[in-house]
């Protein structure tokens, strides 16, 4: 997803650590580990759609979006407005 490889394992360790602190059973902890790993490695289920919406490079969009604080509406909206349909005509972007 455009992030350093160590981010995936760091996220897995954090998620499983939190799951263990919540006293979840080992099966649930394992599910959390693999779910977190898959999410950070980059699920390709929507890669084609993301690439089509954001100008053909879903990895660059994911990498750029990871640095955006979407809790700030201005920052999130700015990212979407400038990234959505990059390289497309104004009509297609709209």
PDB file of N, CA and C in Angstrom:
ATOM      1  N   UNK A   1       0.816  -1.202   0.000  1.00  0.00           N
ATOM      2  CA  UNK A   1       0.000   0.000   0.000  1.00  0.00           C
ATOM      3  C   UNK A   1       0.858   1.264   0.000  1.00  0.00           C
ATOM      4  N   UNK A   2       2.087   1.132  -0.382  1.00  0.00           N
ATOM      5  CA  UNK A   2       2.947   2.304  -0.462  1.00  0.00           C
ATOM      6  C   UNK A   2       3.616   2.669   0.846  1.00  0.00           C
ATOM      7  N   UNK A   3       3.508   1.853   1.860  1.00  0.00           N
ATOM      8  CA  UNK A   3       4.121   2.117   3.154  1.00  0.00           C
ATOM      9  C   UNK A   3       5.357   1.245   3.320  1.00  0.00           C
ATOM     10  N   UNK A   4       6.272   1.637   4.213  1.00  0.00           N
ATOM     11  CA  UNK A   4       7.426   0.761   4.477  1.00  0.00           C
ATOM     12  C   UNK A   4       6.947  -0.608   4.963  1.00  0.00           C
ATOM     13  N   UNK A   5       7.665  -1.659   4.587  1.00  0.00           N
ATOM     14  CA  UNK A   5       7.248  -3.019   4.923  1.00  0.00           C
ATOM     15  C   UNK A   5       7.116  -3.239   6.418  1.00  0.00           C
ATOM     16  N   UNK A   6       7.954  -2.590   7.207  1.00  0.00           N
ATOM     17  CA  UNK A   6       7.883  -2.809   8.651  1.00  0.00           C
ATOM     18  C   UNK A   6       6.595  -2.262   9.277  1.00  0.00           C
ATOM     19  N   UNK A   7       5.887  -1.393   8.589  1.00  0.00           N
ATOM     20  CA  UNK A   7       4.611  -0.893   9.116  1.00  0.00           C
ATOM     21  C   UNK A   7       3.597  -2.010   9.283  1.00  0.00           C
ATOM     22  N   UNK A   8       3.596  -2.979   8.388  1.00  0.00           N
ATOM     23  CA  UNK A   8       2.640  -4.085   8.466  1.00  0.00           C
ATOM     24  C   UNK A   8       2.861  -4.909   9.723  1.00  0.00           C
ATOM     25  N   UNK A   9       4.101  -5.304   9.980  1.00  0.00           N
ATOM     26  CA  UNK A   9       4.358  -6.135  11.157  1.00  0.00           C
ATOM     27  C   UNK A   9       4.175  -5.334  12.438  1.00  0.00           C
ATOM     28  N   UNK A  10       4.539  -4.061  12.425  1.00  0.00           N
ATOM     29  CA  UNK A  10       4.333  -3.213  13.604  1.00  0.00           C
ATOM     30  C   UNK A  10       2.844  -3.124  13.927  1.00  0.00           C
ATOM     31  N   UNK A  11       2.015  -2.973  12.917  1.00  0.00           N
ATOM     32  CA  UNK A  11       0.565  -2.911  13.128  1.00  0.00           C
ATOM     33  C   UNK A  11       0.026  -4.233  13.660  1.00  0.00           C
ATOM     34  N   UNK A  12       0.553  -5.346  13.124  1.00  0.00           N
ATOM     35  CA  UNK A  12       0.134  -6.668  13.603  1.00  0.00           C
ATOM     36  C   UNK A  12       0.476  -6.850  15.073  1.00  0.00           C
ATOM     37  N   UNK A  13       1.673  -6.462  15.445  1.00  0.00           N
ATOM     38  CA  UNK A  13       2.096  -6.610  16.835  1.00  0.00           C
ATOM     39  C   UNK A  13       1.280  -5.720  17.760  1.00  0.00           C
ATOM     40  N   UNK A  14       1.003  -4.516  17.332  1.00  0.00           N
ATOM     41  CA  UNK A  14       0.173  -3.614  18.136  1.00  0.00           C
ATOM     42  C   UNK A  14      -1.239  -4.166  18.291  1.00  0.00           C
ATOM     43  N   UNK A  15      -1.832  -4.610  17.204  1.00  0.00           N
ATOM     44  CA  UNK A  15      -3.202  -5.126  17.242  1.00  0.00           C
ATOM     45  C   UNK A  15      -3.300  -6.386  18.107  1.00  0.00           C
ATOM     46  N   UNK A  16      -2.344  -7.288  17.959  1.00  0.00           N
ATOM     47  CA  UNK A  16      -2.404  -8.512  18.764  1.00  0.00           C
ATOM     48  C   UNK A  16      -2.114  -8.216  20.233  1.00  0.00           C
ATOM     49  N   UNK A  17      -1.243  -7.258  20.483  1.00  0.00           N
ATOM     50  CA  UNK A  17      -0.987  -6.858  21.874  1.00  0.00           C
ATOM     51  C   UNK A  17      -2.242  -6.300  22.531  1.00  0.00           C
ATOM     52  N   UNK A  18      -2.954  -5.471  21.796  1.00  0.00           N
ATOM     53  CA  UNK A  18      -4.214  -4.925  22.334  1.00  0.00           C
ATOM     54  C   UNK A  18      -5.250  -6.027  22.529  1.00  0.00           C
ATOM     55  N   UNK A  19      -5.307  -6.957  21.592  1.00  0.00           N
ATOM     56  CA  UNK A  19      -6.262  -8.065  21.703  1.00  0.00           C
ATOM     57  C   UNK A  19      -5.969  -8.901  22.940  1.00  0.00           C
ATOM     58  N   UNK A  20      -4.695  -9.152  23.211  1.00  0.00           N
ATOM     59  CA  UNK A  20      -4.333  -9.926  24.401  1.00  0.00           C
ATOM     60  C   UNK A  20      -4.653  -9.173  25.681  1.00  0.00           C
ATOM     61  N   UNK A  21      -4.436  -7.862  25.666  1.00  0.00           N
ATOM     62  CA  UNK A  21      -4.778  -7.049  26.862  1.00  0.00           C
ATOM     63  C   UNK A  21      -6.278  -7.040  27.111  1.00  0.00           C
ATOM     64  N   UNK A  22      -7.044  -7.256  26.052  1.00  0.00           N
ATOM     65  CA  UNK A  22      -8.500  -7.341  26.189  1.00  0.00           C
ATOM     66  C   UNK A  22      -8.944  -8.748  26.581  1.00  0.00           C
ATOM     67  N   UNK A  23      -7.974  -9.646  26.794  1.00  0.00           N
ATOM     68  CA  UNK A  23      -8.227 -11.033  27.183  1.00  0.00           C
ATOM     69  C   UNK A  23      -9.030 -11.806  26.140  1.00  0.00           C
ATOM     70  N   UNK A  24      -8.781 -11.529  24.873  1.00  0.00           N
ATOM     71  CA  UNK A  24      -9.429 -12.303  23.820  1.00  0.00           C
ATOM     72  C   UNK A  24      -8.758 -13.671  23.725  1.00  0.00           C
ATOM     73  N   UNK A  25      -9.490 -14.648  23.247  1.00  0.00           N
ATOM     74  CA  UNK A  25      -8.905 -15.986  23.115  1.00  0.00           C
ATOM     75  C   UNK A  25      -7.907 -16.006  21.957  1.00  0.00           C
ATOM     76  N   UNK A  26      -7.068 -17.043  21.929  1.00  0.00           N
ATOM     77  CA  UNK A  26      -5.992 -17.114  20.934  1.00  0.00           C
ATOM     78  C   UNK A  26      -6.509 -17.194  19.498  1.00  0.00           C
ATOM     79  N   UNK A  27      -7.656 -17.795  19.307  1.00  0.00           N
ATOM     80  CA  UNK A  27      -8.233 -17.834  17.958  1.00  0.00           C
ATOM     81  C   UNK A  27      -8.552 -16.428  17.474  1.00  0.00           C
ATOM     82  N   UNK A  28      -9.172 -15.621  18.335  1.00  0.00           N
ATOM     83  CA  UNK A  28      -9.486 -14.239  17.971  1.00  0.00           C
ATOM     84  C   UNK A  28      -8.215 -13.419  17.770  1.00  0.00           C
ATOM     85  N   UNK A  29      -7.217 -13.645  18.619  1.00  0.00           N
ATOM     86  CA  UNK A  29      -5.944 -12.933  18.470  1.00  0.00           C
ATOM     87  C   UNK A  29      -5.320 -13.275  17.115  1.00  0.00           C
ATOM     88  N   UNK A  30      -5.359 -14.545  16.737  1.00  0.00           N
ATOM     89  CA  UNK A  30      -4.836 -14.949  15.435  1.00  0.00           C
ATOM     90  C   UNK A  30      -5.596 -14.307  14.286  1.00  0.00           C
ATOM     91  N   UNK A  31      -6.915 -14.249  14.407  1.00  0.00           N
ATOM     92  CA  UNK A  31      -7.726 -13.598  13.369  1.00  0.00           C
ATOM     93  C   UNK A  31      -7.387 -12.121  13.253  1.00  0.00           C
ATOM     94  N   UNK A  32      -7.180 -11.489  14.387  1.00  0.00           N
ATOM     95  CA  UNK A  32      -6.819 -10.061  14.388  1.00  0.00           C
ATOM     96  C   UNK A  32      -5.458  -9.865  13.731  1.00  0.00           C
ATOM     97  N   UNK A  33      -4.521 -10.746  14.030  1.00  0.00           N
ATOM     98  CA  UNK A  33      -3.189 -10.667  13.425  1.00  0.00           C
ATOM     99  C   UNK A  33      -3.287 -10.714  11.901  1.00  0.00           C
ATOM    100  N   UNK A  34      -3.964 -11.726  11.384  1.00  0.00           N
ATOM    101  CA  UNK A  34      -4.030 -11.889   9.929  1.00  0.00           C
ATOM    102  C   UNK A  34      -4.881 -10.816   9.258  1.00  0.00           C
ATOM    103  N   UNK A  35      -5.929 -10.379   9.921  1.00  0.00           N
ATOM    104  CA  UNK A  35      -6.745  -9.288   9.365  1.00  0.00           C
ATOM    105  C   UNK A  35      -5.925  -8.013   9.266  1.00  0.00           C
ATOM    106  N   UNK A  36      -5.163  -7.714  10.316  1.00  0.00           N
ATOM    107  CA  UNK A  36      -4.315  -6.522  10.307  1.00  0.00           C
ATOM    108  C   UNK A  36      -3.223  -6.642   9.250  1.00  0.00           C
ATOM    109  N   UNK A  37      -2.627  -7.817   9.149  1.00  0.00           N
ATOM    110  CA  UNK A  37      -1.583  -8.027   8.150  1.00  0.00           C
ATOM    111  C   UNK A  37      -2.129  -7.823   6.741  1.00  0.00           C
ATOM    112  N   UNK A  38      -3.273  -8.420   6.451  1.00  0.00           N
ATOM    113  CA  UNK A  38      -3.868  -8.266   5.123  1.00  0.00           C
ATOM    114  C   UNK A  38      -4.221  -6.814   4.827  1.00  0.00           C
ATOM    115  N   UNK A  39      -4.729  -6.113   5.827  1.00  0.00           N
ATOM    116  CA  UNK A  39      -5.108  -4.719   5.609  1.00  0.00           C
ATOM    117  C   UNK A  39      -3.886  -3.871   5.287  1.00  0.00           C
ATOM    118  N   UNK A  40      -2.789  -4.111   5.967  1.00  0.00           N
ATOM    119  CA  UNK A  40      -1.599  -3.283   5.767  1.00  0.00           C
ATOM    120  C   UNK A  40      -0.742  -3.726   4.587  1.00  0.00           C
ATOM    121  N   UNK A  41      -0.811  -4.979   4.241  1.00  0.00           N
ATOM    122  CA  UNK A  41      -0.069  -5.439   3.075  1.00  0.00           C
ATOM    123  C   UNK A  41      -0.733  -4.894   1.818  1.00  0.00           C
ATOM    124  N   UNK A  42      -2.029  -4.753   1.853  1.00  0.00           N
ATOM    125  CA  UNK A  42      -2.738  -4.151   0.733  1.00  0.00           C
ATOM    126  C   UNK A  42      -3.676  -5.112   0.054  1.00  0.00           C
ATOM    127  N   UNK A  43      -4.893  -5.039   0.437  1.00  0.00           N
ATOM    128  CA  UNK A  43      -5.919  -5.847  -0.204  1.00  0.00           C
ATOM    129  C   UNK A  43      -6.110  -5.315  -1.620  1.00  0.00           C
ATOM    130  N   UNK A  44      -6.187  -6.207  -2.570  1.00  0.00           N
ATOM    131  CA  UNK A  44      -6.334  -5.794  -3.961  1.00  0.00           C
ATOM    132  C   UNK A  44      -7.784  -5.835  -4.441  1.00  0.00           C
ATOM    133  N   UNK A  45      -8.721  -6.035  -3.510  1.00  0.00           N
ATOM    134  CA  UNK A  45     -10.120  -6.170  -3.900  1.00  0.00           C
ATOM    135  C   UNK A  45     -10.630  -4.939  -4.650  1.00  0.00           C
ATOM    136  N   UNK A  46     -10.172  -3.751  -4.262  1.00  0.00           N
ATOM    137  CA  UNK A  46     -10.650  -2.524  -4.904  1.00  0.00           C
ATOM    138  C   UNK A  46      -9.531  -1.779  -5.622  1.00  0.00           C
ATOM    139  N   UNK A  47      -8.423  -2.456  -5.899  1.00  0.00           N
ATOM    140  CA  UNK A  47      -7.277  -1.788  -6.527  1.00  0.00           C
ATOM    141  C   UNK A  47      -7.643  -1.202  -7.882  1.00  0.00           C
ATOM    142  N   UNK A  48      -8.373  -1.954  -8.680  1.00  0.00           N
ATOM    143  CA  UNK A  48      -8.734  -1.465 -10.016  1.00  0.00           C
ATOM    144  C   UNK A  48      -9.614  -0.227  -9.925  1.00  0.00           C
ATOM    145  N   UNK A  49     -10.602  -0.261  -9.024  1.00  0.00           N
ATOM    146  CA  UNK A  49     -11.509   0.879  -8.862  1.00  0.00           C
ATOM    147  C   UNK A  49     -10.775   2.098  -8.315  1.00  0.00           C
ATOM    148  N   UNK A  50      -9.899   1.862  -7.338  1.00  0.00           N
ATOM    149  CA  UNK A  50      -9.126   2.966  -6.769  1.00  0.00           C
ATOM    150  C   UNK A  50      -8.233   3.583  -7.833  1.00  0.00           C
ATOM    151  N   UNK A  51      -7.572   2.749  -8.610  1.00  0.00           N
ATOM    152  CA  UNK A  51      -6.716   3.258  -9.678  1.00  0.00           C
ATOM    153  C   UNK A  51      -7.526   4.070 -10.684  1.00  0.00           C
ATOM    154  N   UNK A  52      -8.707   3.601 -11.030  1.00  0.00           N
ATOM    155  CA  UNK A  52      -9.542   4.322 -11.990  1.00  0.00           C
ATOM    156  C   UNK A  52      -9.979   5.677 -11.438  1.00  0.00           C
ATOM    157  N   UNK A  53     -10.323   5.729 -10.160  1.00  0.00           N
ATOM    158  CA  UNK A  53     -10.771   6.983  -9.553  1.00  0.00           C
ATOM    159  C   UNK A  53      -9.643   7.986  -9.359  1.00  0.00           C
ATOM    160  N   UNK A  54      -8.453   7.473  -9.062  1.00  0.00           N
ATOM    161  CA  UNK A  54      -7.364   8.364  -8.689  1.00  0.00           C
ATOM    162  C   UNK A  54      -6.247   8.426  -9.720  1.00  0.00           C
ATOM    163  N   UNK A  55      -6.559   8.286 -10.964  1.00  0.00           N
ATOM    164  CA  UNK A  55      -5.586   8.522 -12.009  1.00  0.00           C
ATOM    165  C   UNK A  55      -4.646   7.377 -12.330  1.00  0.00           C
ATOM    166  N   UNK A  56      -4.998   6.158 -11.971  1.00  0.00           N
ATOM    167  CA  UNK A  56      -4.236   5.004 -12.411  1.00  0.00           C
ATOM    168  C   UNK A  56      -3.171   4.467 -11.484  1.00  0.00           C
ATOM    169  N   UNK A  57      -2.966   5.067 -10.316  1.00  0.00           N
ATOM    170  CA  UNK A  57      -1.900   4.590  -9.435  1.00  0.00           C
ATOM    171  C   UNK A  57      -2.440   4.424  -8.023  1.00  0.00           C
ATOM    172  N   UNK A  58      -3.012   3.262  -7.737  1.00  0.00           N
ATOM    173  CA  UNK A  58      -3.619   3.042  -6.421  1.00  0.00           C
ATOM    174  C   UNK A  58      -2.577   3.005  -5.314  1.00  0.00           C
ATOM    175  N   UNK A  59      -1.358   2.570  -5.598  1.00  0.00           N
ATOM    176  CA  UNK A  59      -0.318   2.534  -4.560  1.00  0.00           C
ATOM    177  C   UNK A  59       0.054   3.953  -4.129  1.00  0.00           C
ATOM    178  N   UNK A  60       0.195   4.860  -5.082  1.00  0.00           N
ATOM    179  CA  UNK A  60       0.514   6.254  -4.744  1.00  0.00           C
ATOM    180  C   UNK A  60      -0.622   6.889  -3.947  1.00  0.00           C
ATOM    181  N   UNK A  61      -1.852   6.566  -4.291  1.00  0.00           N
ATOM    182  CA  UNK A  61      -3.004   7.107  -3.555  1.00  0.00           C
ATOM    183  C   UNK A  61      -2.997   6.592  -2.120  1.00  0.00           C
ATOM    184  N   UNK A  62      -2.771   5.296  -1.945  1.00  0.00           N
ATOM    185  CA  UNK A  62      -2.732   4.742  -0.598  1.00  0.00           C
ATOM    186  C   UNK A  62      -1.591   5.333   0.216  1.00  0.00           C
ATOM    187  N   UNK A  63      -0.438   5.502  -0.392  1.00  0.00           N
ATOM    188  CA  UNK A  63       0.704   6.087   0.304  1.00  0.00           C
ATOM    189  C   UNK A  63       0.420   7.536   0.681  1.00  0.00           C
ATOM    190  N   UNK A  64      -0.151   8.290  -0.247  1.00  0.00           N
ATOM    191  CA  UNK A  64      -0.485   9.689   0.048  1.00  0.00           C
ATOM    192  C   UNK A  64      -1.580   9.811   1.084  1.00  0.00           C
ATOM    193  N   UNK A  65      -2.578   8.956   0.977  1.00  0.00           N
ATOM    194  CA  UNK A  65      -3.686   8.999   1.922  1.00  0.00           C
ATOM    195  C   UNK A  65      -3.293   8.612   3.330  1.00  0.00           C
ATOM    196  N   UNK A  66      -2.250   7.797   3.470  1.00  0.00           N
ATOM    197  CA  UNK A  66      -1.799   7.380   4.797  1.00  0.00           C
ATOM    198  C   UNK A  66      -1.231   8.545   5.584  1.00  0.00           C
ATOM    199  N   UNK A  67      -0.814   9.592   4.900  1.00  0.00           N
ATOM    200  CA  UNK A  67      -0.242  10.758   5.582  1.00  0.00           C
ATOM    201  C   UNK A  67      -1.276  11.853   5.845  1.00  0.00           C
ATOM    202  N   UNK A  68      -2.509  11.611   5.481  1.00  0.00           N
ATOM    203  CA  UNK A  68      -3.561  12.609   5.629  1.00  0.00           C
ATOM    204  C   UNK A  68      -4.346  12.338   6.906  1.00  0.00           C
ATOM    205  N   UNK A  69      -4.603  13.391   7.652  1.00  0.00           N
ATOM    206  CA  UNK A  69      -5.449  13.272   8.838  1.00  0.00           C
ATOM    207  C   UNK A  69      -6.874  13.609   8.412  1.00  0.00           C
ATOM    208  N   UNK A  70      -7.672  12.557   8.176  1.00  0.00           N
ATOM    209  CA  UNK A  70      -9.024  12.759   7.668  1.00  0.00           C
ATOM    210  C   UNK A  70      -9.975  13.290   8.734  1.00  0.00           C
ATOM    211  N   UNK A  71      -9.505  13.385   9.989  1.00  0.00           N
ATOM    212  CA  UNK A  71     -10.312  14.022  11.031  1.00  0.00           C
ATOM    213  C   UNK A  71     -10.408  15.530  10.805  1.00  0.00           C
ATOM    214  N   UNK A  72      -9.429  16.068  10.093  1.00  0.00           N
ATOM    215  CA  UNK A  72      -9.451  17.476   9.702  1.00  0.00           C
ATOM    216  C   UNK A  72     -10.127  17.535   8.341  1.00  0.00           C
ATOM    217  N   UNK A  73     -11.346  18.038   8.310  1.00  0.00           N
ATOM    218  CA  UNK A  73     -12.131  18.024   7.076  1.00  0.00           C
ATOM    219  C   UNK A  73     -11.439  18.758   5.939  1.00  0.00           C
ATOM    220  N   UNK A  74     -10.744  19.836   6.251  1.00  0.00           N
ATOM    221  CA  UNK A  74     -10.059  20.596   5.211  1.00  0.00           C
ATOM    222  C   UNK A  74      -8.937  19.775   4.587  1.00  0.00           C
ATOM    223  N   UNK A  75      -8.162  19.108   5.423  1.00  0.00           N
ATOM    224  CA  UNK A  75      -7.056  18.300   4.902  1.00  0.00           C
ATOM    225  C   UNK A  75      -7.576  17.107   4.105  1.00  0.00           C
ATOM    226  N   UNK A  76      -8.574  16.433   4.633  1.00  0.00           N
ATOM    227  CA  UNK A  76      -9.147  15.284   3.934  1.00  0.00           C
ATOM    228  C   UNK A  76      -9.789  15.670   2.619  1.00  0.00           C
ATOM    229  N   UNK A  77     -10.563  16.750   2.627  1.00  0.00           N
ATOM    230  CA  UNK A  77     -11.216  17.202   1.408  1.00  0.00           C
ATOM    231  C   UNK A  77     -10.197  17.674   0.380  1.00  0.00           C
ATOM    232  N   UNK A  78      -9.169  18.365   0.842  1.00  0.00           N
ATOM    233  CA  UNK A  78      -8.112  18.824  -0.065  1.00  0.00           C
ATOM    234  C   UNK A  78      -7.426  17.662  -0.756  1.00  0.00           C
ATOM    235  N   UNK A  79      -7.136  16.613   0.008  1.00  0.00           N
ATOM    236  CA  UNK A  79      -6.505  15.427  -0.589  1.00  0.00           C
ATOM    237  C   UNK A  79      -7.410  14.830  -1.649  1.00  0.00           C
ATOM    238  N   UNK A  80      -8.679  14.673  -1.321  1.00  0.00           N
ATOM    239  CA  UNK A  80      -9.606  14.072  -2.281  1.00  0.00           C
ATOM    240  C   UNK A  80      -9.769  14.931  -3.530  1.00  0.00           C
ATOM    241  N   UNK A  81      -9.881  16.233  -3.351  1.00  0.00           N
ATOM    242  CA  UNK A  81     -10.074  17.116  -4.504  1.00  0.00           C
ATOM    243  C   UNK A  81      -8.864  17.132  -5.432  1.00  0.00           C
ATOM    244  N   UNK A  82      -7.665  17.090  -4.842  1.00  0.00           N
ATOM    245  CA  UNK A  82      -6.467  17.154  -5.676  1.00  0.00           C
ATOM    246  C   UNK A  82      -6.044  15.792  -6.203  1.00  0.00           C
ATOM    247  N   UNK A  83      -6.436  14.713  -5.528  1.00  0.00           N
ATOM    248  CA  UNK A  83      -6.012  13.381  -5.962  1.00  0.00           C
ATOM    249  C   UNK A  83      -7.047  12.690  -6.833  1.00  0.00           C
ATOM    250  N   UNK A  84      -8.314  12.970  -6.600  1.00  0.00           N
ATOM    251  CA  UNK A  84      -9.377  12.270  -7.319  1.00  0.00           C
ATOM    252  C   UNK A  84      -9.333  12.596  -8.808  1.00  0.00           C
ATOM    253  N   UNK A  85      -9.163  11.573  -9.609  1.00  0.00           N
ATOM    254  CA  UNK A  85      -9.167  11.748 -11.052  1.00  0.00           C
ATOM    255  C   UNK A  85      -7.978  12.509 -11.591  1.00  0.00           C
ATOM    256  N   UNK A  86      -6.854  12.451 -10.898  1.00  0.00           N
ATOM    257  CA  UNK A  86      -5.668  13.191 -11.316  1.00  0.00           C
ATOM    258  C   UNK A  86      -5.309  12.837 -12.762  1.00  0.00           C
ATOM    259  N   UNK A  87      -5.136  13.841 -13.564  1.00  0.00           N
ATOM    260  CA  UNK A  87      -4.804  13.626 -14.965  1.00  0.00           C
ATOM    261  C   UNK A  87      -6.020  13.502 -15.880  1.00  0.00           C
ATOM    262  N   UNK A  88      -7.207  13.449 -15.278  1.00  0.00           N
ATOM    263  CA  UNK A  88      -8.433  13.319 -16.084  1.00  0.00           C
ATOM    264  C   UNK A  88      -8.962  14.707 -16.430  1.00  0.00           C
ATOM    265  N   UNK A  89      -9.878  14.743 -17.364  1.00  0.00           N
ATOM    266  CA  UNK A  89     -10.499  16.006 -17.747  1.00  0.00           C
ATOM    267  C   UNK A  89     -11.374  16.511 -16.594  1.00  0.00           C
ATOM    268  N   UNK A  90     -11.652  17.814 -16.540  1.00  0.00           N
ATOM    269  CA  UNK A  90     -12.511  18.333 -15.475  1.00  0.00           C
ATOM    270  C   UNK A  90     -13.877  17.660 -15.431  1.00  0.00           C
ATOM    271  N   UNK A  91     -14.437  17.314 -16.570  1.00  0.00           N
ATOM    272  CA  UNK A  91     -15.730  16.658 -16.592  1.00  0.00           C
ATOM    273  C   UNK A  91     -15.659  15.276 -15.929  1.00  0.00           C
ATOM    274  N   UNK A  92     -14.623  14.520 -16.241  1.00  0.00           N
ATOM    275  CA  UNK A  92     -14.438  13.193 -15.647  1.00  0.00           C
ATOM    276  C   UNK A  92     -14.195  13.338 -14.149  1.00  0.00           C
ATOM    277  N   UNK A  93     -13.395  14.340 -13.735  1.00  0.00           N
ATOM    278  CA  UNK A  93     -13.116  14.553 -12.310  1.00  0.00           C
ATOM    279  C   UNK A  93     -14.403  14.877 -11.557  1.00  0.00           C
ATOM    280  N   UNK A  94     -15.255  15.668 -12.154  1.00  0.00           N
ATOM    281  CA  UNK A  94     -16.531  16.013 -11.487  1.00  0.00           C
ATOM    282  C   UNK A  94     -17.385  14.778 -11.322  1.00  0.00           C
TER     283      UNK A  94
END
